[in-house]
Amino acid sequence: MPIQESLQVVVKKLQDKFGDSILSVQEFRDEVTVRFKPQVWLEAHRFLKEDEDCAFNMLIDETAADYPLRQERFDVITHLLSLGKAHRLRVKTQTAEHIPSLYPVWKTANWLEREAYDLFGVIYDGHPDLRRILLTEDWEGFPLRKDYPIEGYDI
């Protein structure tokens, strides 16, 4: 199934604006994923929200995936929705640990980034209240990292 026409416009606008900062554009089934360099993470999301052809007005999810053997250990992933245009987009980047917070663009990033911090240890620079949200403050480690012991740490 070809990319929706409205998403073709989005991808073209992203390529025009961010050029070499886009590492890849992948299409799988009816989903499009754009991978950016981490240096444009915040700027790209702001553009996706504010540009009238993109109009992504909802941050559905922000999470991470752990690849402990890579130098840039984490993929940080967002899922965006445009209610008015009826299209979705997945956005990814890689980071060793730090990435700019998307809180200035979407206030819902507050809770989503706290969850990713709590479970993976991704640090969101500029986040207004980065602290654990699911686990206790004295919890040791980050349980969704692949090197976290299955039996947990000895307390």
C-alpha atoms as a PDB file:
ATOM      1  CA  MET A   1       0.000   0.000   0.000  1.00  0.00           C
ATOM      2  CA  PRO A   2       1.540   3.369  -0.983  1.00  0.00           C
ATOM      3  CA  ILE A   3       2.106   6.140   1.545  1.00  0.00           C
ATOM      4  CA  GLN A   4      -0.934   8.373   2.042  1.00  0.00           C
ATOM      5  CA  GLU A   5      -0.686  11.490  -0.079  1.00  0.00           C
ATOM      6  CA  SER A   6      -0.763  13.704   3.033  1.00  0.00           C
ATOM      7  CA  LEU A   7       2.204  11.815   4.506  1.00  0.00           C
ATOM      8  CA  GLN A   8       4.116  12.152   1.230  1.00  0.00           C
ATOM      9  CA  VAL A   9       3.775  15.912   1.687  1.00  0.00           C
ATOM     10  CA  VAL A  10       5.028  15.630   5.282  1.00  0.00           C
ATOM     11  CA  VAL A  11       8.066  13.554   4.295  1.00  0.00           C
ATOM     12  CA  LYS A  12       8.930  15.961   1.461  1.00  0.00           C
ATOM     13  CA  LYS A  13       8.681  18.972   3.768  1.00  0.00           C
ATOM     14  CA  LEU A  14      10.882  17.241   6.351  1.00  0.00           C
ATOM     15  CA  GLN A  15      13.479  16.386   3.705  1.00  0.00           C
ATOM     16  CA  ASP A  16      13.479  19.972   2.444  1.00  0.00           C
ATOM     17  CA  LYS A  17      13.846  21.447   5.932  1.00  0.00           C
ATOM     18  CA  PHE A  18      16.146  18.931   7.646  1.00  0.00           C
ATOM     19  CA  GLY A  19      18.088  17.412   4.723  1.00  0.00           C
ATOM     20  CA  ASP A  20      21.088  15.429   6.007  1.00  0.00           C
ATOM     21  CA  SER A  21      19.695  15.449   9.547  1.00  0.00           C
ATOM     22  CA  ILE A  22      17.246  12.777   8.380  1.00  0.00           C
ATOM     23  CA  LEU A  23      18.999   9.436   8.585  1.00  0.00           C
ATOM     24  CA  SER A  24      16.212   7.340   7.065  1.00  0.00           C
ATOM     25  CA  VAL A  25      12.587   7.223   6.024  1.00  0.00           C
ATOM     26  CA  GLN A  26      11.028   3.781   6.213  1.00  0.00           C
ATOM     27  CA  GLU A  27       7.623   2.599   5.203  1.00  0.00           C
ATOM     28  CA  PHE A  28       6.169  -0.617   6.577  1.00  0.00           C
ATOM     29  CA  ARG A  29       2.586  -1.462   5.763  1.00  0.00           C
ATOM     30  CA  ASP A  30       0.772   1.838   6.237  1.00  0.00           C
ATOM     31  CA  GLU A  31       3.224   3.276   8.781  1.00  0.00           C
ATOM     32  CA  VAL A  32       6.041   5.720   8.099  1.00  0.00           C
ATOM     33  CA  THR A  33       9.071   6.103  10.369  1.00  0.00           C
ATOM     34  CA  VAL A  34      11.483   9.010  10.094  1.00  0.00           C
ATOM     35  CA  ARG A  35      14.838   8.715  11.883  1.00  0.00           C
ATOM     36  CA  PHE A  36      16.582  11.998  12.763  1.00  0.00           C
ATOM     37  CA  LYS A  37      19.978  12.931  14.119  1.00  0.00           C
ATOM     38  CA  PRO A  38      19.561  13.735  17.832  1.00  0.00           C
ATOM     39  CA  GLN A  39      20.720  17.332  17.308  1.00  0.00           C
ATOM     40  CA  VAL A  40      17.407  18.201  15.588  1.00  0.00           C
ATOM     41  CA  TRP A  41      15.102  16.112  17.797  1.00  0.00           C
ATOM     42  CA  LEU A  42      13.331  19.045  19.456  1.00  0.00           C
ATOM     43  CA  GLU A  43      13.318  21.262  16.353  1.00  0.00           C
ATOM     44  CA  ALA A  44      11.871  18.467  14.183  1.00  0.00           C
ATOM     45  CA  HIS A  45       9.015  17.849  16.609  1.00  0.00           C
ATOM     46  CA  ARG A  46       8.264  21.555  16.864  1.00  0.00           C
ATOM     47  CA  PHE A  47       8.143  21.730  13.042  1.00  0.00           C
ATOM     48  CA  LEU A  48       5.878  18.667  12.832  1.00  0.00           C
ATOM     49  CA  LYS A  49       3.445  20.290  15.243  1.00  0.00           C
ATOM     50  CA  GLU A  50       3.479  23.850  13.918  1.00  0.00           C
ATOM     51  CA  ASP A  51       3.673  23.390  10.134  1.00  0.00           C
ATOM     52  CA  GLU A  52       0.152  23.567   8.676  1.00  0.00           C
ATOM     53  CA  ASP A  53       0.745  20.695   6.213  1.00  0.00           C
ATOM     54  CA  CYS A  54       2.060  18.433   8.978  1.00  0.00           C
ATOM     55  CA  ALA A  55      -0.252  19.564  11.803  1.00  0.00           C
ATOM     56  CA  PHE A  56       0.669  16.783  14.238  1.00  0.00           C
ATOM     57  CA  ASN A  57      -1.279  18.057  17.212  1.00  0.00           C
ATOM     58  CA  MET A  58      -1.099  14.971  19.411  1.00  0.00           C
ATOM     59  CA  LEU A  59       1.839  13.171  20.966  1.00  0.00           C
ATOM     60  CA  ILE A  60       0.428   9.661  21.331  1.00  0.00           C
ATOM     61  CA  ASP A  61       3.486   8.055  22.923  1.00  0.00           C
ATOM     62  CA  GLU A  62       7.148   8.610  23.697  1.00  0.00           C
ATOM     63  CA  THR A  63       9.253   5.661  24.698  1.00  0.00           C
ATOM     64  CA  ALA A  64      12.648   4.027  24.253  1.00  0.00           C
ATOM     65  CA  ALA A  65      14.247   0.785  23.131  1.00  0.00           C
ATOM     66  CA  ASP A  66      17.510  -0.532  24.551  1.00  0.00           C
ATOM     67  CA  TYR A  67      20.404  -1.756  22.408  1.00  0.00           C
ATOM     68  CA  PRO A  68      23.194  -2.200  24.987  1.00  0.00           C
ATOM     69  CA  LEU A  69      25.877  -3.228  22.481  1.00  0.00           C
ATOM     70  CA  ARG A  70      25.624   0.047  20.536  1.00  0.00           C
ATOM     71  CA  GLN A  71      27.557   3.181  21.451  1.00  0.00           C
ATOM     72  CA  GLU A  72      24.316   5.165  21.236  1.00  0.00           C
ATOM     73  CA  ARG A  73      22.452   2.683  23.373  1.00  0.00           C
ATOM     74  CA  PHE A  74      18.879   3.936  23.121  1.00  0.00           C
ATOM     75  CA  ASP A  75      16.379   4.539  20.388  1.00  0.00           C
ATOM     76  CA  VAL A  76      13.960   7.222  21.535  1.00  0.00           C
ATOM     77  CA  ILE A  77      10.650   6.887  19.715  1.00  0.00           C
ATOM     78  CA  THR A  78       7.579   9.074  19.406  1.00  0.00           C
ATOM     79  CA  HIS A  79       4.217   8.343  17.812  1.00  0.00           C
ATOM     80  CA  LEU A  80       2.438  11.411  16.487  1.00  0.00           C
ATOM     81  CA  LEU A  81      -1.123  11.927  15.283  1.00  0.00           C
ATOM     82  CA  SER A  82      -2.708  14.696  13.246  1.00  0.00           C
ATOM     83  CA  LEU A  83      -6.397  14.732  14.074  1.00  0.00           C
ATOM     84  CA  GLY A  84      -7.234  17.212  11.323  1.00  0.00           C
ATOM     85  CA  LYS A  85      -5.202  15.501   8.595  1.00  0.00           C
ATOM     86  CA  ALA A  86      -5.897  11.948   9.827  1.00  0.00           C
ATOM     87  CA  HIS A  87      -2.312  10.788   9.526  1.00  0.00           C
ATOM     88  CA  ARG A  88       0.217   9.223  11.884  1.00  0.00           C
ATOM     89  CA  LEU A  89       4.006   9.276  12.020  1.00  0.00           C
ATOM     90  CA  ARG A  90       6.671   7.482  14.009  1.00  0.00           C
ATOM     91  CA  VAL A  91       9.823   9.476  14.763  1.00  0.00           C
ATOM     92  CA  LYS A  92      13.081   7.971  16.049  1.00  0.00           C
ATOM     93  CA  THR A  93      16.559   8.987  17.079  1.00  0.00           C
ATOM     94  CA  GLN A  94      19.496   7.397  18.881  1.00  0.00           C
ATOM     95  CA  THR A  95      21.222   8.571  22.033  1.00  0.00           C
ATOM     96  CA  ALA A  96      23.754   7.307  24.520  1.00  0.00           C
ATOM     97  CA  GLU A  97      21.697   8.666  27.405  1.00  0.00           C
ATOM     98  CA  HIS A  98      20.706  12.350  27.016  1.00  0.00           C
ATOM     99  CA  ILE A  99      18.101  13.804  24.643  1.00  0.00           C
ATOM    100  CA  PRO A 100      16.230  17.143  24.674  1.00  0.00           C
ATOM    101  CA  SER A 101      12.835  17.030  26.337  1.00  0.00           C
ATOM    102  CA  LEU A 102       9.768  17.467  24.147  1.00  0.00           C
ATOM    103  CA  TYR A 103       7.902  19.107  27.033  1.00  0.00           C
ATOM    104  CA  PRO A 104       8.210  22.578  25.431  1.00  0.00           C
ATOM    105  CA  VAL A 105       6.279  21.240  22.416  1.00  0.00           C
ATOM    106  CA  TRP A 106       3.803  18.871  24.079  1.00  0.00           C
ATOM    107  CA  LYS A 107       2.949  19.055  27.774  1.00  0.00           C
ATOM    108  CA  THR A 108       1.960  15.359  27.663  1.00  0.00           C
ATOM    109  CA  ALA A 109       5.666  14.588  27.231  1.00  0.00           C
ATOM    110  CA  ASN A 110       5.976  15.256  30.967  1.00  0.00           C
ATOM    111  CA  TRP A 111       4.517  11.897  31.975  1.00  0.00           C
ATOM    112  CA  LEU A 112       5.801   9.935  28.980  1.00  0.00           C
ATOM    113  CA  GLU A 113       9.391  11.069  29.490  1.00  0.00           C
ATOM    114  CA  ARG A 114       9.219  10.360  33.198  1.00  0.00           C
ATOM    115  CA  GLU A 115       8.138   6.812  32.367  1.00  0.00           C
ATOM    116  CA  ALA A 116      11.002   6.307  29.878  1.00  0.00           C
ATOM    117  CA  TYR A 117      13.435   7.764  32.406  1.00  0.00           C
ATOM    118  CA  ASP A 118      12.088   5.512  35.156  1.00  0.00           C
ATOM    119  CA  LEU A 119      12.235   2.286  33.149  1.00  0.00           C
ATOM    120  CA  PHE A 120      15.175   2.859  30.754  1.00  0.00           C
ATOM    121  CA  GLY A 121      17.241   5.650  32.322  1.00  0.00           C
ATOM    122  CA  VAL A 122      17.001   8.009  29.352  1.00  0.00           C
ATOM    123  CA  ILE A 123      17.713  11.548  30.580  1.00  0.00           C
ATOM    124  CA  TYR A 124      15.550  14.269  29.031  1.00  0.00           C
ATOM    125  CA  ASP A 125      17.456  17.538  29.172  1.00  0.00           C
ATOM    126  CA  GLY A 126      15.208  20.482  30.014  1.00  0.00           C
ATOM    127  CA  HIS A 127      12.440  18.333  31.502  1.00  0.00           C
ATOM    128  CA  PRO A 128      10.736  20.292  34.322  1.00  0.00           C
ATOM    129  CA  ASP A 129      10.388  17.391  36.794  1.00  0.00           C
ATOM    130  CA  LEU A 130      12.437  14.348  35.761  1.00  0.00           C
ATOM    131  CA  ARG A 131      11.931  11.842  38.551  1.00  0.00           C
ATOM    132  CA  ARG A 132      10.576   8.347  38.867  1.00  0.00           C
ATOM    133  CA  ILE A 133       6.889   7.907  38.162  1.00  0.00           C
ATOM    134  CA  LEU A 134       6.247   4.144  38.533  1.00  0.00           C
ATOM    135  CA  LEU A 135       9.018   2.937  40.832  1.00  0.00           C
ATOM    136  CA  THR A 136      10.080   4.221  44.238  1.00  0.00           C
ATOM    137  CA  GLU A 137      12.794   6.893  44.389  1.00  0.00           C
ATOM    138  CA  ASP A 138      15.220   4.425  46.004  1.00  0.00           C
ATOM    139  CA  TRP A 139      14.786   1.809  43.238  1.00  0.00           C
ATOM    140  CA  GLU A 140      18.133   0.641  41.907  1.00  0.00           C
ATOM    141  CA  GLY A 141      18.616   0.461  38.160  1.00  0.00           C
ATOM    142  CA  PHE A 142      16.257   0.619  35.203  1.00  0.00           C
ATOM    143  CA  PRO A 143      14.167  -2.538  34.744  1.00  0.00           C
ATOM    144  CA  LEU A 144      13.571  -2.325  30.970  1.00  0.00           C
ATOM    145  CA  ARG A 145      17.270  -2.215  30.139  1.00  0.00           C
ATOM    146  CA  LYS A 146      18.362  -5.505  28.662  1.00  0.00           C
ATOM    147  CA  ASP A 147      21.237  -5.820  31.147  1.00  0.00           C
ATOM    148  CA  TYR A 148      18.934  -5.479  34.159  1.00  0.00           C
ATOM    149  CA  PRO A 149      19.116  -8.726  36.172  1.00  0.00           C
ATOM    150  CA  ILE A 150      16.003 -10.860  35.794  1.00  0.00           C
ATOM    151  CA  GLU A 151      15.925 -11.512  39.526  1.00  0.00           C
ATOM    152  CA  GLY A 152      16.534  -7.808  40.337  1.00  0.00           C
ATOM    153  CA  TYR A 153      19.250  -6.384  42.523  1.00  0.00           C
ATOM    154  CA  ASP A 154      19.900  -7.534  46.100  1.00  0.00           C
ATOM    155  CA  ILE A 155      18.473  -5.069  48.572  1.00  0.00           C
END
